[in-house]
Amino acid sequence: MRRIQTQYLKEWYLKNNRKPLMVRGARQVGKSTLVRLFAKELNLDLIEINLEKNKLRSLEFQNEKLVVSILQEIESKFNKKIHEKTLIFFDEIQQLPELIPALRFFYEERPDLAVVCAGSLLEFVLEEHEFSMPVGRIEFLYLGPMKFSEFLMNGEKEELFNQVQNKFPKITSSHYEQLTEQLKKYFFIGGMPEAIKNYYETHSPKAVRDVHHSIIATYKNDFTKYTKNKELPRIEEVFEALPNNFGKKIKYTEISAALDSRKIKRSLHLLALAHLIQICYHSNSSGIPISSQKDINVFKLYFLDIGLLHYMFGLGWSDINNLDNKSLLTQGVSAEQFIAQHLAYRNGPQEAPELYYWLRDKNAANAEVDFIISKGRSIIPIEIKSGKSGSIKSLIQFMGEKKYLEAYRFDLRDRAAFGENFIEDIKIKIADTENKFTEFKLINSHLGLIECLDSNIHRDDGRF
């Protein structure tokens, strides 16, 4: 299985001031496999230390020769000589949290050595740590599920892969059908590496669903590792209620009428730490940075992965494959989920995933824009439609209020309707104002081309 992030690892490895790298992400997104693939591609001598099975006794002696002691212990245990082409990989580092502050000494004393660490449920250790974090002396790589482009790449769909990666192409009828067909498969399989690998090996929907079942069961079993016994029924109840609450403003009473808001909020926090859910905050979106205007009390949620979400919905392959393009998705949240898990990581693997949207919650004039992103000094609103049509009333209201130049809509319409650039010049009078027109460019594109977004955004401040 190939991953795009191996390129980032190569860039990290070739840095002159390379720091130890910590890979962060949910269980089973492929953290350990990514490191192994990278080592193999660069022909590095990988020493993988699983800290669930191997304890480093040298850490018990915190002295000025700590790094020397650790390296000597590793060489002795694994009967390997550490040299300039060695990649040291501390896996399951959450089992030995005292090693995390010691990473700074590898950077200060042995910057010539390539050191990577990763772990399941690592975020809980980092949040509750009582040690001094080696700030500025380690780097992070945030890893999520495999993207749609990686799904195509591993299926040897090179032509479609190139389209998904580059500037918005003109979709021919043939490419449109191929892209939609592959998108359906991704909606069912999702981006979990084991599910994709299983699909390409067996082409069996049942085998893929077996993987989904196993992953969800593993996540549920993990609840005992990051919550107290008395909290376990609570987090299980919240987790089971989430599928019906994804993609809309969270109201605690709709998750559980029996639990108070503090307990539900605590459960959501734990699930977010485990990277099982992604919080999408409302932002007023009147300027950069978007995060400075977020309201932590107004948010919606998305799941880790669309394949797992559809498993939790109880949807099988026939439910997705047999629907025509007018109703490819049973609910709009499925299209939003697909976009959300791609947008969350669009700032690059070194940045923590984040999502924002815009909401005007007024009785007489409710409006919502699905996602808001920034690029340079530009703020870009994004509307998602699950079919080939849909109102953009909320988007027009947002653009009229904020005066930005450019907006995007992703759906399943035939691109031939918009010409080569798929651009609509919108000039429309807002109903509740006199002689006031809203003008902006609306760029339309296929849902499967979300990864083309950054290559197409204009490099200006985004305002008239």
Protein backbone atom coordinates (compact mmCIF):
# COMPACT_ATOMS: atom_id res chain seq x y z
CA MET A 1 0.00 0.00 0.00
CA ARG A 2 1.39 3.36 -1.06
CA ARG A 3 0.87 6.54 0.96
CA ILE A 4 1.33 10.14 -0.14
CA GLN A 5 2.83 10.97 3.26
CA THR A 6 5.98 8.98 2.47
CA GLN A 7 7.05 12.04 0.47
CA TYR A 8 6.78 14.19 3.60
CA LEU A 9 8.85 11.63 5.50
CA LYS A 10 11.50 11.81 2.81
CA GLU A 11 11.62 15.59 3.11
CA TRP A 12 11.89 15.26 6.89
CA TYR A 13 14.67 12.72 6.60
CA LEU A 14 16.76 14.94 4.29
CA LYS A 15 16.57 18.03 6.51
CA ASN A 16 19.83 19.38 7.86
CA ASN A 17 18.21 20.20 11.20
CA ARG A 18 16.09 17.06 11.43
CA LYS A 19 14.27 16.55 14.72
CA PRO A 20 12.68 13.38 16.14
CA LEU A 21 9.28 12.86 14.50
CA MET A 22 6.08 11.92 16.35
CA VAL A 23 3.32 10.38 14.21
CA ARG A 24 -0.16 11.11 15.59
CA GLY A 25 -3.56 9.80 14.56
CA ALA A 26 -6.33 7.33 15.30
CA ARG A 27 -5.73 3.66 15.79
CA GLN A 28 -5.46 1.66 12.53
CA VAL A 29 -4.93 4.60 10.16
CA GLY A 30 -1.58 3.03 9.25
CA LYS A 31 0.99 4.88 11.38
CA SER A 32 3.35 1.92 11.87
CA THR A 33 2.92 0.70 8.30
CA LEU A 34 3.75 4.17 6.96
CA VAL A 35 7.08 4.16 8.82
CA ARG A 36 7.91 0.69 7.54
CA LEU A 37 7.05 1.65 3.95
CA PHE A 38 9.22 4.74 4.22
CA ALA A 39 12.18 2.78 5.57
CA LYS A 40 11.84 0.27 2.77
CA GLU A 41 11.64 2.93 0.04
CA LEU A 42 14.81 4.65 1.26
CA ASN A 43 16.57 1.37 2.00
CA LEU A 44 17.07 2.33 5.65
CA ASP A 45 18.05 -0.12 8.36
CA LEU A 46 14.86 -0.07 10.45
CA ILE A 47 15.04 -0.91 14.14
CA GLU A 48 11.44 -1.10 15.34
CA ILE A 49 11.01 -1.10 19.11
CA ASN A 50 7.50 -2.02 20.20
CA LEU A 51 7.30 -0.60 23.70
CA GLU A 52 4.38 -2.84 24.63
CA LYS A 53 6.80 -5.75 24.36
CA ASN A 54 10.18 -4.12 25.04
CA LYS A 55 10.92 -1.85 27.98
CA LEU A 56 13.91 0.46 28.00
CA ARG A 57 15.54 -0.06 31.36
CA SER A 58 18.08 2.67 30.65
CA LEU A 59 15.34 5.27 31.14
CA GLU A 60 15.32 4.45 34.83
CA PHE A 61 18.70 6.18 35.11
CA GLN A 62 18.20 9.81 34.13
CA ASN A 63 21.77 11.00 33.73
CA GLU A 64 23.89 12.95 31.28
CA LYS A 65 24.60 9.79 29.27
CA LEU A 66 20.94 8.88 28.78
CA VAL A 67 21.03 8.80 24.96
CA VAL A 68 24.21 6.73 24.95
CA SER A 69 22.62 4.28 27.40
CA ILE A 70 19.42 3.97 25.33
CA LEU A 71 21.37 3.35 22.12
CA GLN A 72 23.57 0.76 23.78
CA GLU A 73 20.50 -1.03 25.15
CA ILE A 74 18.86 -1.05 21.70
CA GLU A 75 21.98 -2.44 20.03
CA SER A 76 22.21 -5.16 22.67
CA LYS A 77 18.52 -6.18 22.53
CA PHE A 78 18.25 -6.24 18.75
CA ASN A 79 21.80 -7.32 17.98
CA LYS A 80 22.19 -4.49 15.49
CA LYS A 81 24.78 -1.76 15.07
CA ILE A 82 23.27 1.73 14.89
CA HIS A 83 24.76 3.74 12.02
CA GLU A 84 23.99 6.69 9.75
CA LYS A 85 21.43 4.73 7.69
CA THR A 86 19.55 3.47 10.76
CA LEU A 87 15.94 4.51 11.37
CA ILE A 88 14.98 4.08 15.04
CA PHE A 89 11.23 3.61 15.43
CA PHE A 90 9.68 3.68 18.91
CA ASP A 91 6.19 2.23 18.42
CA GLU A 92 3.44 2.33 21.07
CA ILE A 93 5.32 5.11 22.85
CA GLN A 94 2.30 5.79 25.06
CA GLN A 95 3.38 2.69 27.00
CA LEU A 96 6.56 4.51 28.06
CA PRO A 97 5.61 8.20 28.34
CA GLU A 98 8.86 9.07 30.11
CA LEU A 99 10.60 8.51 26.77
CA ILE A 100 8.78 11.49 25.23
CA PRO A 101 10.71 14.23 27.08
CA ALA A 102 13.91 12.27 26.43
CA LEU A 103 13.43 12.79 22.69
CA ARG A 104 14.90 16.28 23.07
CA PHE A 105 18.26 14.76 23.91
CA PHE A 106 18.32 12.81 20.66
CA TYR A 107 17.92 16.14 18.84
CA GLU A 108 20.53 17.91 20.96
CA GLU A 109 23.12 15.13 21.19
CA ARG A 110 22.56 12.90 18.15
CA PRO A 111 20.93 14.98 15.39
CA ASP A 112 22.55 12.62 12.89
CA LEU A 113 20.17 9.83 13.92
CA ALA A 114 16.68 9.49 12.40
CA VAL A 115 14.18 8.86 15.20
CA VAL A 116 10.42 8.31 14.76
CA CYS A 117 7.80 7.46 17.35
CA ALA A 118 4.09 6.64 17.21
CA GLY A 119 1.41 5.21 19.43
CA SER A 120 -2.23 4.33 19.84
CA LEU A 121 -4.23 6.74 22.01
CA LEU A 122 -1.13 8.89 22.26
CA GLU A 123 -3.22 12.06 22.63
CA PHE A 124 -4.34 11.01 26.11
CA VAL A 125 -0.74 10.78 27.30
CA LEU A 126 0.09 14.15 25.74
CA GLU A 127 -2.92 15.82 27.36
CA GLU A 128 -2.41 14.39 30.83
CA HIS A 129 1.38 14.36 30.91
CA GLU A 130 3.21 15.53 33.99
CA PHE A 131 6.53 15.86 32.19
CA SER A 132 8.03 18.73 30.25
CA MET A 133 7.21 18.43 26.55
CA PRO A 134 10.26 18.87 24.28
CA VAL A 135 8.72 21.88 22.54
CA GLY A 136 10.73 22.96 19.51
CA ARG A 137 12.81 19.79 19.59
CA ILE A 138 10.37 17.38 17.99
CA GLU A 139 8.16 17.48 14.90
CA PHE A 140 4.68 16.09 14.37
CA LEU A 141 3.03 14.24 11.51
CA TYR A 142 -0.76 13.97 11.73
CA LEU A 143 -2.03 10.95 9.84
CA GLY A 144 -5.65 10.37 8.88
CA PRO A 145 -7.40 7.79 6.69
CA MET A 146 -6.15 7.34 3.14
CA LYS A 147 -7.47 10.01 0.79
CA PHE A 148 -9.49 9.37 -2.35
CA SER A 149 -6.36 10.02 -4.42
CA GLU A 150 -4.49 7.32 -2.47
CA PHE A 151 -7.38 4.93 -3.07
CA LEU A 152 -7.02 5.57 -6.82
CA MET A 153 -3.23 5.36 -6.68
CA ASN A 154 -3.29 1.92 -5.06
CA GLY A 155 -5.88 0.77 -7.60
CA GLU A 156 -3.55 1.80 -10.43
CA LYS A 157 -6.03 4.40 -11.68
CA GLU A 158 -3.16 6.69 -12.63
CA GLU A 159 -5.09 8.92 -15.02
CA LEU A 160 -7.84 9.60 -12.49
CA PHE A 161 -5.21 9.98 -9.76
CA ASN A 162 -3.50 12.74 -11.74
CA GLN A 163 -6.81 14.55 -12.24
CA VAL A 164 -7.67 14.36 -8.56
CA GLN A 165 -4.25 15.76 -7.61
CA ASN A 166 -3.93 18.64 -10.08
CA LYS A 167 -5.89 21.73 -11.12
CA PHE A 168 -9.54 21.15 -11.90
CA PRO A 169 -9.56 19.34 -15.23
CA LYS A 170 -12.25 19.33 -17.86
CA ILE A 171 -14.23 16.19 -17.15
CA THR A 172 -15.10 14.20 -20.25
CA SER A 173 -18.16 11.96 -20.17
CA SER A 174 -15.90 8.94 -19.81
CA HIS A 175 -13.90 10.43 -16.96
CA TYR A 176 -17.07 11.65 -15.27
CA GLU A 177 -18.47 8.12 -15.21
CA GLN A 178 -15.18 6.63 -14.03
CA LEU A 179 -14.77 9.21 -11.28
CA THR A 180 -18.31 8.68 -10.03
CA GLU A 181 -17.88 4.91 -10.12
CA GLN A 182 -14.66 5.06 -8.10
CA LEU A 183 -16.23 7.57 -5.71
CA LYS A 184 -19.03 5.12 -4.95
CA LYS A 185 -16.45 2.47 -4.11
CA TYR A 186 -14.59 4.86 -1.83
CA PHE A 187 -17.84 5.81 -0.07
CA PHE A 188 -18.35 2.14 0.75
CA ILE A 189 -14.73 1.13 1.47
CA GLY A 190 -13.50 4.38 3.00
CA GLY A 191 -9.90 5.27 3.70
CA MET A 192 -8.81 2.81 6.39
CA PRO A 193 -5.71 1.10 4.94
CA GLU A 194 -6.75 -2.43 5.91
CA ALA A 195 -10.15 -2.00 4.25
CA ILE A 196 -8.59 -0.70 1.01
CA LYS A 197 -5.96 -3.44 1.01
CA ASN A 198 -8.64 -6.05 1.59
CA TYR A 199 -10.76 -4.70 -1.25
CA TYR A 200 -7.93 -4.78 -3.80
CA GLU A 201 -6.95 -8.30 -2.73
CA THR A 202 -10.43 -9.85 -2.61
CA HIS A 203 -12.90 -7.45 -4.30
CA SER A 204 -15.34 -8.76 -1.70
CA PRO A 205 -17.77 -6.31 -0.08
CA LYS A 206 -18.27 -8.76 2.78
CA ALA A 207 -14.53 -8.92 3.44
CA VAL A 208 -14.41 -5.11 3.54
CA ARG A 209 -17.36 -4.97 5.94
CA ASP A 210 -15.62 -7.56 8.14
CA VAL A 211 -12.69 -5.16 8.40
CA HIS A 212 -15.04 -2.29 9.30
CA HIS A 213 -16.69 -4.45 11.95
CA SER A 214 -13.31 -5.32 13.46
CA ILE A 215 -12.14 -1.69 13.53
CA ILE A 216 -15.31 -0.41 15.21
CA ALA A 217 -15.12 -3.25 17.74
CA THR A 218 -11.51 -2.28 18.48
CA TYR A 219 -12.50 1.35 19.02
CA LYS A 220 -15.24 0.31 21.44
CA ASN A 221 -12.83 -1.95 23.32
CA ASP A 222 -10.48 1.01 23.65
CA PHE A 223 -13.07 2.96 25.65
CA THR A 224 -11.89 1.18 28.80
CA LYS A 225 -8.38 2.53 28.20
CA TYR A 226 -9.31 6.20 28.37
CA THR A 227 -12.36 6.38 30.57
CA LYS A 228 -13.22 5.31 34.10
CA ASN A 229 -15.55 2.38 34.68
CA LYS A 230 -18.40 4.63 35.78
CA GLU A 231 -18.01 6.68 32.56
CA LEU A 232 -18.00 3.66 30.25
CA PRO A 233 -21.80 3.33 29.75
CA ARG A 234 -21.96 7.07 29.11
CA ILE A 235 -19.36 7.14 26.35
CA GLU A 236 -20.89 4.01 24.78
CA GLU A 237 -24.30 5.71 24.71
CA VAL A 238 -22.88 8.87 23.16
CA PHE A 239 -20.91 6.89 20.55
CA GLU A 240 -23.98 4.93 19.48
CA ALA A 241 -26.02 8.13 19.13
CA LEU A 242 -23.49 9.94 16.95
CA PRO A 243 -24.40 8.63 13.45
CA ASN A 244 -27.76 10.42 13.64
CA ASN A 245 -26.08 13.63 14.79
CA PHE A 246 -23.20 14.01 12.34
CA GLY A 247 -23.22 17.00 10.01
CA LYS A 248 -25.56 19.23 11.97
CA LYS A 249 -25.29 21.65 14.87
CA ILE A 250 -24.89 19.59 18.00
CA LYS A 251 -27.65 19.78 20.57
CA TYR A 252 -26.86 17.69 23.60
CA THR A 253 -30.49 16.75 24.18
CA GLU A 254 -30.59 15.10 20.75
CA ILE A 255 -27.61 12.92 21.67
CA SER A 256 -29.11 11.88 25.01
CA ALA A 257 -32.07 13.20 26.95
CA ALA A 258 -30.89 11.34 30.06
CA LEU A 259 -27.32 12.68 30.29
CA ASP A 260 -26.52 16.24 31.30
CA SER A 261 -24.55 18.42 28.88
CA ARG A 262 -21.31 18.28 30.89
CA LYS A 263 -21.19 14.50 30.69
CA ILE A 264 -21.94 14.48 26.98
CA LYS A 265 -19.31 17.17 26.40
CA ARG A 266 -16.77 15.09 28.33
CA SER A 267 -17.54 12.02 26.20
CA LEU A 268 -17.18 14.00 22.97
CA HIS A 269 -13.85 15.35 24.19
CA LEU A 270 -12.55 11.82 24.78
CA LEU A 271 -13.73 10.64 21.36
CA ALA A 272 -12.03 13.66 19.76
CA LEU A 273 -8.78 12.87 21.59
CA ALA A 274 -8.95 9.37 20.16
CA HIS A 275 -9.38 10.98 16.70
CA LEU A 276 -12.65 9.10 16.19
CA ILE A 277 -14.56 12.32 15.61
CA GLN A 278 -13.60 15.66 14.08
CA ILE A 279 -15.12 18.84 15.53
CA CYS A 280 -16.17 21.48 13.00
CA TYR A 281 -16.53 24.83 14.80
CA HIS A 282 -18.66 27.76 13.75
CA SER A 283 -16.55 30.81 12.90
CA ASN A 284 -17.81 34.30 12.15
CA SER A 285 -15.31 34.15 9.27
CA SER A 286 -14.85 37.90 8.94
CA GLY A 287 -11.07 37.74 8.68
CA ILE A 288 -7.87 35.77 9.12
CA PRO A 289 -7.28 33.59 11.04
CA ILE A 290 -10.62 31.80 10.99
CA SER A 291 -9.78 30.09 14.27
CA SER A 292 -9.67 33.42 16.13
CA GLN A 293 -13.39 33.87 15.52
CA LYS A 294 -14.59 30.38 16.36
CA ASP A 295 -17.32 29.72 18.89
CA ILE A 296 -16.40 26.64 20.91
CA ASN A 297 -20.02 26.23 21.97
CA VAL A 298 -21.38 26.02 18.42
CA PHE A 299 -20.13 23.07 16.40
CA LYS A 300 -21.04 20.06 14.32
CA LEU A 301 -19.28 16.71 14.15
CA TYR A 302 -17.94 14.35 11.52
CA PHE A 303 -16.60 10.83 11.86
CA LEU A 304 -13.09 9.58 11.25
CA ASP A 305 -13.91 7.80 7.99
CA ILE A 306 -16.77 7.55 5.51
CA GLY A 307 -16.54 3.77 5.10
CA LEU A 308 -16.83 3.28 8.86
CA LEU A 309 -19.69 5.79 8.96
CA HIS A 310 -21.68 3.89 6.34
CA TYR A 311 -21.01 0.68 8.27
CA MET A 312 -22.48 2.35 11.36
CA PHE A 313 -25.44 3.50 9.23
CA GLY A 314 -25.97 -0.15 8.29
CA LEU A 315 -25.55 0.52 4.56
CA GLY A 316 -24.25 -2.27 2.35
CA TRP A 317 -22.55 -2.15 -1.04
CA SER A 318 -25.82 -2.54 -2.92
CA ASP A 319 -27.33 0.40 -1.01
CA ILE A 320 -24.64 2.67 -2.44
CA ASN A 321 -23.90 1.05 -5.79
CA ASN A 322 -27.51 0.66 -6.96
CA LEU A 323 -28.48 4.26 -6.42
CA ASP A 324 -28.43 6.48 -9.49
CA ASN A 325 -26.40 9.66 -9.51
CA LYS A 326 -29.38 11.81 -8.56
CA SER A 327 -29.44 10.16 -5.16
CA LEU A 328 -25.99 8.64 -4.84
CA LEU A 329 -25.98 9.31 -1.12
CA THR A 330 -28.76 8.48 1.26
CA GLN A 331 -28.15 11.69 3.19
CA GLY A 332 -26.30 14.93 2.58
CA VAL A 333 -24.12 14.14 5.58
CA SER A 334 -22.38 11.41 3.57
CA ALA A 335 -21.18 13.91 0.98
CA GLU A 336 -20.14 16.30 3.75
CA GLN A 337 -18.31 13.47 5.55
CA PHE A 338 -16.28 12.73 2.43
CA ILE A 339 -15.31 16.40 2.05
CA ALA A 340 -14.69 16.86 5.79
CA GLN A 341 -12.12 14.08 6.10
CA HIS A 342 -10.21 15.59 3.18
CA LEU A 343 -10.43 19.25 4.24
CA ALA A 344 -9.38 18.46 7.82
CA TYR A 345 -5.86 17.55 6.67
CA ARG A 346 -5.51 20.06 3.81
CA ASN A 347 -2.95 22.22 5.69
CA GLY A 348 -0.41 19.41 5.48
CA PRO A 349 0.60 16.53 7.73
CA GLN A 350 2.54 18.75 10.12
CA GLU A 351 -0.60 20.70 11.13
CA ALA A 352 -3.29 19.37 13.46
CA PRO A 353 -6.54 18.65 11.55
CA GLU A 354 -9.19 21.36 11.83
CA LEU A 355 -12.58 22.22 10.34
CA TYR A 356 -14.80 25.33 10.36
CA TYR A 357 -18.20 26.32 9.06
CA TRP A 358 -20.48 29.37 9.21
CA LEU A 359 -23.89 29.47 10.83
CA ARG A 360 -26.46 32.20 11.21
CA ASP A 361 -28.96 30.83 13.66
CA LYS A 362 -31.92 33.20 13.57
CA ASN A 363 -35.56 32.19 13.55
CA ALA A 364 -36.45 34.27 10.49
CA ALA A 365 -33.17 34.03 8.60
CA ASN A 366 -31.26 30.82 9.28
CA ALA A 367 -28.29 30.20 7.02
CA GLU A 368 -25.39 27.76 6.98
CA VAL A 369 -22.32 27.35 4.79
CA ASP A 370 -20.99 23.81 5.02
CA PHE A 371 -17.27 24.60 5.31
CA ILE A 372 -15.03 27.66 5.52
CA ILE A 373 -11.32 27.46 4.71
CA SER A 374 -8.50 29.98 4.38
CA LYS A 375 -5.72 30.18 1.83
CA GLY A 376 -3.19 32.93 2.41
CA ARG A 377 -5.30 36.02 3.11
CA SER A 378 -8.32 34.59 1.30
CA ILE A 379 -11.36 33.11 2.99
CA ILE A 380 -13.17 30.54 0.87
CA PRO A 381 -16.70 29.25 1.56
CA ILE A 382 -17.56 25.75 0.33
CA GLU A 383 -21.00 24.31 -0.31
CA ILE A 384 -21.56 20.56 -0.64
CA LYS A 385 -24.48 18.99 -2.49
CA SER A 386 -25.17 15.27 -2.40
CA GLY A 387 -26.79 15.22 -5.84
CA LYS A 388 -26.70 17.29 -9.00
CA SER A 389 -28.69 20.26 -7.75
CA GLY A 390 -29.52 22.22 -4.63
CA SER A 391 -30.11 25.73 -3.37
CA ILE A 392 -27.20 28.04 -2.62
CA LYS A 393 -29.31 30.58 -0.75
CA SER A 394 -27.15 30.39 2.38
CA LEU A 395 -23.98 30.81 0.33
CA ILE A 396 -25.42 33.92 -1.35
CA GLN A 397 -26.31 35.39 2.04
CA PHE A 398 -22.80 34.71 3.32
CA MET A 399 -21.16 36.27 0.27
CA GLY A 400 -23.46 39.28 0.48
CA GLU A 401 -22.49 39.86 4.08
CA LYS A 402 -18.76 39.17 3.86
CA LYS A 403 -18.01 40.49 0.33
CA TYR A 404 -15.57 37.76 -0.64
CA LEU A 405 -14.70 37.15 -4.28
CA GLU A 406 -14.83 33.42 -4.68
CA ALA A 407 -16.87 30.43 -3.52
CA TYR A 408 -16.90 26.72 -4.33
CA ARG A 409 -19.64 24.15 -4.77
CA PHE A 410 -18.93 20.42 -4.97
CA ASP A 411 -21.63 18.11 -6.28
CA LEU A 412 -22.27 15.49 -8.96
CA ARG A 413 -23.36 17.61 -11.89
CA ASP A 414 -21.93 17.01 -15.34
CA ARG A 415 -19.09 19.47 -15.78
CA ALA A 416 -20.00 20.01 -19.45
CA ALA A 417 -22.79 22.27 -18.22
CA PHE A 418 -20.22 24.83 -17.06
CA GLY A 419 -17.64 24.85 -19.83
CA GLU A 420 -13.92 24.36 -19.40
CA ASN A 421 -13.47 26.31 -16.16
CA PHE A 422 -16.78 25.41 -14.51
CA ILE A 423 -17.16 29.03 -13.36
CA GLU A 424 -20.42 30.86 -12.84
CA ASP A 425 -20.50 34.62 -12.41
CA ILE A 426 -23.14 35.20 -9.77
CA LYS A 427 -24.86 38.58 -9.60
CA ILE A 428 -28.02 38.50 -7.59
CA LYS A 429 -30.07 40.92 -5.54
CA ILE A 430 -30.47 39.95 -1.90
CA ALA A 431 -34.16 39.81 -1.11
CA ASP A 432 -34.11 41.76 2.14
CA THR A 433 -32.08 44.74 0.89
CA GLU A 434 -32.85 47.52 -1.58
CA ASN A 435 -30.84 47.75 -4.77
CA LYS A 436 -28.04 45.68 -3.27
CA PHE A 437 -26.41 43.06 -5.43
CA THR A 438 -24.11 40.25 -4.38
CA GLU A 439 -21.40 39.47 -6.95
CA PHE A 440 -18.90 36.63 -6.81
CA LYS A 441 -17.44 33.77 -8.80
CA LEU A 442 -18.85 30.33 -8.06
CA ILE A 443 -16.54 27.49 -9.07
CA ASN A 444 -18.37 24.18 -9.50
CA SER A 445 -16.67 20.82 -9.36
CA HIS A 446 -17.22 17.10 -8.91
CA LEU A 447 -17.15 15.82 -5.32
CA GLY A 448 -14.23 13.56 -6.20
CA LEU A 449 -12.03 16.54 -7.10
CA ILE A 450 -11.89 18.07 -3.63
CA GLU A 451 -8.11 17.57 -3.52
CA CYS A 452 -7.77 19.91 -6.53
CA LEU A 453 -8.98 22.78 -4.38
CA ASP A 454 -5.70 24.32 -3.26
CA SER A 455 -4.18 24.39 -6.75
CA ASN A 456 -7.11 26.43 -8.03
CA ILE A 457 -7.63 29.09 -5.32
CA HIS A 458 -6.69 32.59 -6.41
CA ARG A 459 -3.72 34.18 -4.66
CA ASP A 460 -5.30 37.44 -3.49
CA ASP A 461 -6.98 38.82 -0.39
CA GLY A 462 -10.38 37.53 -1.47
CA ARG A 463 -12.30 40.83 -1.21
CA PHE A 464 -13.63 43.52 -3.52
